[in-house]
Amino acid sequence: MATLRPLDDRVVLKVLDAEEVSSGGILLPDTAKEKPQRGKVTAVGDGKLQKDGKRAKPDVKKGDVVLFGKYAGSDVKVGGDDYKILRESEILARWEE
């Protein structure tokens, strides 16, 4: 099986499915579901290369669930699963429960 190894400040996310039930409890058909904006971090690059030649440590780690912009990153399909590759700066927040 292929694995994705991101470079520099890029992050690979496994896209989490869209909500199937609205906040009011209504079952949503596929056409009404919003594009997913949550993903689980599956791989993180080494960090952005700074002007002094050192790498900035990434703020996210493997296993984190994060929110990203609706049109952020590039979509990739590997083995039937949907992934998104984006720069760490395109991540909006870490999801904590």
C-alpha atoms as a PDB file:
ATOM      1  CA  MET A   1       0.000   0.000   0.000  1.00  0.00           C
ATOM      2  CA  ALA A   2       1.234   3.483  -0.832  1.00  0.00           C
ATOM      3  CA  THR A   3       1.956   5.955   1.924  1.00  0.00           C
ATOM      4  CA  LEU A   4       2.034   9.721   1.671  1.00  0.00           C
ATOM      5  CA  ARG A   5       5.040  11.499   3.196  1.00  0.00           C
ATOM      6  CA  PRO A   6       4.573  15.280   3.166  1.00  0.00           C
ATOM      7  CA  LEU A   7       7.479  17.651   2.574  1.00  0.00           C
ATOM      8  CA  ASP A   8       8.398  20.826   4.482  1.00  0.00           C
ATOM      9  CA  ASP A   9       5.381  22.391   6.235  1.00  0.00           C
ATOM     10  CA  ARG A  10       2.772  20.225   4.538  1.00  0.00           C
ATOM     11  CA  VAL A  11       0.316  17.965   6.358  1.00  0.00           C
ATOM     12  CA  VAL A  12      -1.656  14.935   5.138  1.00  0.00           C
ATOM     13  CA  LEU A  13      -5.203  14.621   6.477  1.00  0.00           C
ATOM     14  CA  LYS A  14      -7.662  11.747   6.183  1.00  0.00           C
ATOM     15  CA  VAL A  15     -10.879  13.552   5.382  1.00  0.00           C
ATOM     16  CA  LEU A  16     -13.618  12.773   7.912  1.00  0.00           C
ATOM     17  CA  ASP A  17     -17.130  12.159   6.583  1.00  0.00           C
ATOM     18  CA  ALA A  18     -19.690  14.949   6.474  1.00  0.00           C
ATOM     19  CA  GLU A  19     -22.396  15.011   9.101  1.00  0.00           C
ATOM     20  CA  GLU A  20     -25.342  12.786   8.140  1.00  0.00           C
ATOM     21  CA  VAL A  21     -27.768  14.318  10.634  1.00  0.00           C
ATOM     22  CA  SER A  22     -28.391  18.049  11.070  1.00  0.00           C
ATOM     23  CA  SER A  23     -28.150  19.746  14.466  1.00  0.00           C
ATOM     24  CA  GLY A  24     -31.964  19.539  14.617  1.00  0.00           C
ATOM     25  CA  GLY A  25     -31.900  15.762  14.103  1.00  0.00           C
ATOM     26  CA  ILE A  26     -32.931  15.711  10.429  1.00  0.00           C
ATOM     27  CA  LEU A  27     -31.320  13.021   8.245  1.00  0.00           C
ATOM     28  CA  LEU A  28     -29.501  14.748   5.365  1.00  0.00           C
ATOM     29  CA  PRO A  29     -29.413  13.275   1.851  1.00  0.00           C
ATOM     30  CA  ASP A  30     -26.025  13.114   0.091  1.00  0.00           C
ATOM     31  CA  THR A  31     -26.797  16.195  -2.010  1.00  0.00           C
ATOM     32  CA  ALA A  32     -27.453  18.359   1.085  1.00  0.00           C
ATOM     33  CA  LYS A  33     -24.308  17.412   2.991  1.00  0.00           C
ATOM     34  CA  GLU A  34     -21.697  20.120   3.272  1.00  0.00           C
ATOM     35  CA  LYS A  35     -18.210  19.493   1.988  1.00  0.00           C
ATOM     36  CA  PRO A  36     -16.229  18.032   4.927  1.00  0.00           C
ATOM     37  CA  GLN A  37     -13.945  20.481   6.653  1.00  0.00           C
ATOM     38  CA  ARG A  38     -12.540  18.169   9.325  1.00  0.00           C
ATOM     39  CA  GLY A  39      -9.692  15.752   8.980  1.00  0.00           C
ATOM     40  CA  LYS A  40      -7.424  13.543  11.041  1.00  0.00           C
ATOM     41  CA  VAL A  41      -3.701  14.180  10.648  1.00  0.00           C
ATOM     42  CA  THR A  42      -2.028  11.057   9.248  1.00  0.00           C
ATOM     43  CA  ALA A  43       1.411  12.525   8.469  1.00  0.00           C
ATOM     44  CA  VAL A  44       3.331  15.749   9.105  1.00  0.00           C
ATOM     45  CA  GLY A  45       6.341  17.133   7.233  1.00  0.00           C
ATOM     46  CA  ASP A  46       9.581  18.145   8.934  1.00  0.00           C
ATOM     47  CA  GLY A  47       8.536  21.801   9.226  1.00  0.00           C
ATOM     48  CA  LYS A  48       9.026  24.990   7.263  1.00  0.00           C
ATOM     49  CA  LEU A  49      12.616  25.831   6.382  1.00  0.00           C
ATOM     50  CA  GLN A  50      13.457  29.247   7.816  1.00  0.00           C
ATOM     51  CA  LYS A  51      15.934  31.815   6.459  1.00  0.00           C
ATOM     52  CA  ASP A  52      18.583  30.753   8.991  1.00  0.00           C
ATOM     53  CA  GLY A  53      18.474  27.159   7.687  1.00  0.00           C
ATOM     54  CA  LYS A  54      16.635  25.719  10.710  1.00  0.00           C
ATOM     55  CA  ARG A  55      13.219  24.095  10.537  1.00  0.00           C
ATOM     56  CA  ALA A  56      10.204  25.468  12.422  1.00  0.00           C
ATOM     57  CA  LYS A  57       8.593  22.730  14.512  1.00  0.00           C
ATOM     58  CA  PRO A  58       5.048  21.887  13.293  1.00  0.00           C
ATOM     59  CA  ASP A  59       2.153  22.762  15.640  1.00  0.00           C
ATOM     60  CA  VAL A  60       0.127  19.659  14.739  1.00  0.00           C
ATOM     61  CA  LYS A  61       0.992  16.002  15.183  1.00  0.00           C
ATOM     62  CA  LYS A  62      -0.208  12.684  13.844  1.00  0.00           C
ATOM     63  CA  GLY A  63      -3.636  11.818  15.292  1.00  0.00           C
ATOM     64  CA  ASP A  64      -4.846  15.410  15.760  1.00  0.00           C
ATOM     65  CA  VAL A  65      -8.292  16.232  14.373  1.00  0.00           C
ATOM     66  CA  VAL A  66      -8.223  19.638  12.681  1.00  0.00           C
ATOM     67  CA  LEU A  67     -10.493  22.058  10.841  1.00  0.00           C
ATOM     68  CA  PHE A  68      -9.422  23.453   7.486  1.00  0.00           C
ATOM     69  CA  GLY A  69     -10.817  25.898   4.946  1.00  0.00           C
ATOM     70  CA  LYS A  70     -13.485  24.659   2.554  1.00  0.00           C
ATOM     71  CA  TYR A  71     -11.230  24.990  -0.512  1.00  0.00           C
ATOM     72  CA  ALA A  72      -7.821  24.487   1.149  1.00  0.00           C
ATOM     73  CA  GLY A  73      -5.197  22.046  -0.063  1.00  0.00           C
ATOM     74  CA  SER A  74      -5.217  19.371  -2.734  1.00  0.00           C
ATOM     75  CA  ASP A  75      -7.484  16.325  -2.741  1.00  0.00           C
ATOM     76  CA  VAL A  76      -5.872  12.903  -3.221  1.00  0.00           C
ATOM     77  CA  LYS A  77      -7.432   9.430  -3.286  1.00  0.00           C
ATOM     78  CA  VAL A  78      -5.266   6.502  -2.102  1.00  0.00           C
ATOM     79  CA  GLY A  79      -6.669   2.989  -1.808  1.00  0.00           C
ATOM     80  CA  GLY A  80     -10.260   4.236  -1.901  1.00  0.00           C
ATOM     81  CA  ASP A  81      -9.734   6.697   0.970  1.00  0.00           C
ATOM     82  CA  ASP A  82      -9.892  10.480   0.570  1.00  0.00           C
ATOM     83  CA  TYR A  83      -6.911  12.492   1.767  1.00  0.00           C
ATOM     84  CA  LYS A  84      -6.051  16.162   1.644  1.00  0.00           C
ATOM     85  CA  ILE A  85      -2.533  17.582   1.442  1.00  0.00           C
ATOM     86  CA  LEU A  86      -2.205  21.149   2.649  1.00  0.00           C
ATOM     87  CA  ARG A  87       0.226  23.561   4.205  1.00  0.00           C
ATOM     88  CA  GLU A  88       0.127  23.787   7.981  1.00  0.00           C
ATOM     89  CA  SER A  89      -0.840  27.475   7.665  1.00  0.00           C
ATOM     90  CA  GLU A  90      -4.100  26.403   5.941  1.00  0.00           C
ATOM     91  CA  ILE A  91      -5.224  24.594   9.113  1.00  0.00           C
ATOM     92  CA  LEU A  92      -7.643  26.811  10.988  1.00  0.00           C
ATOM     93  CA  ALA A  93      -7.947  25.050  14.350  1.00  0.00           C
ATOM     94  CA  ARG A  94      -7.381  21.855  16.288  1.00  0.00           C
ATOM     95  CA  TRP A  95     -10.604  20.035  17.236  1.00  0.00           C
ATOM     96  CA  GLU A  96     -10.687  19.203  20.961  1.00  0.00           C
ATOM     97  CA  GLU A  97     -13.487  17.421  22.801  1.00  0.00           C
END
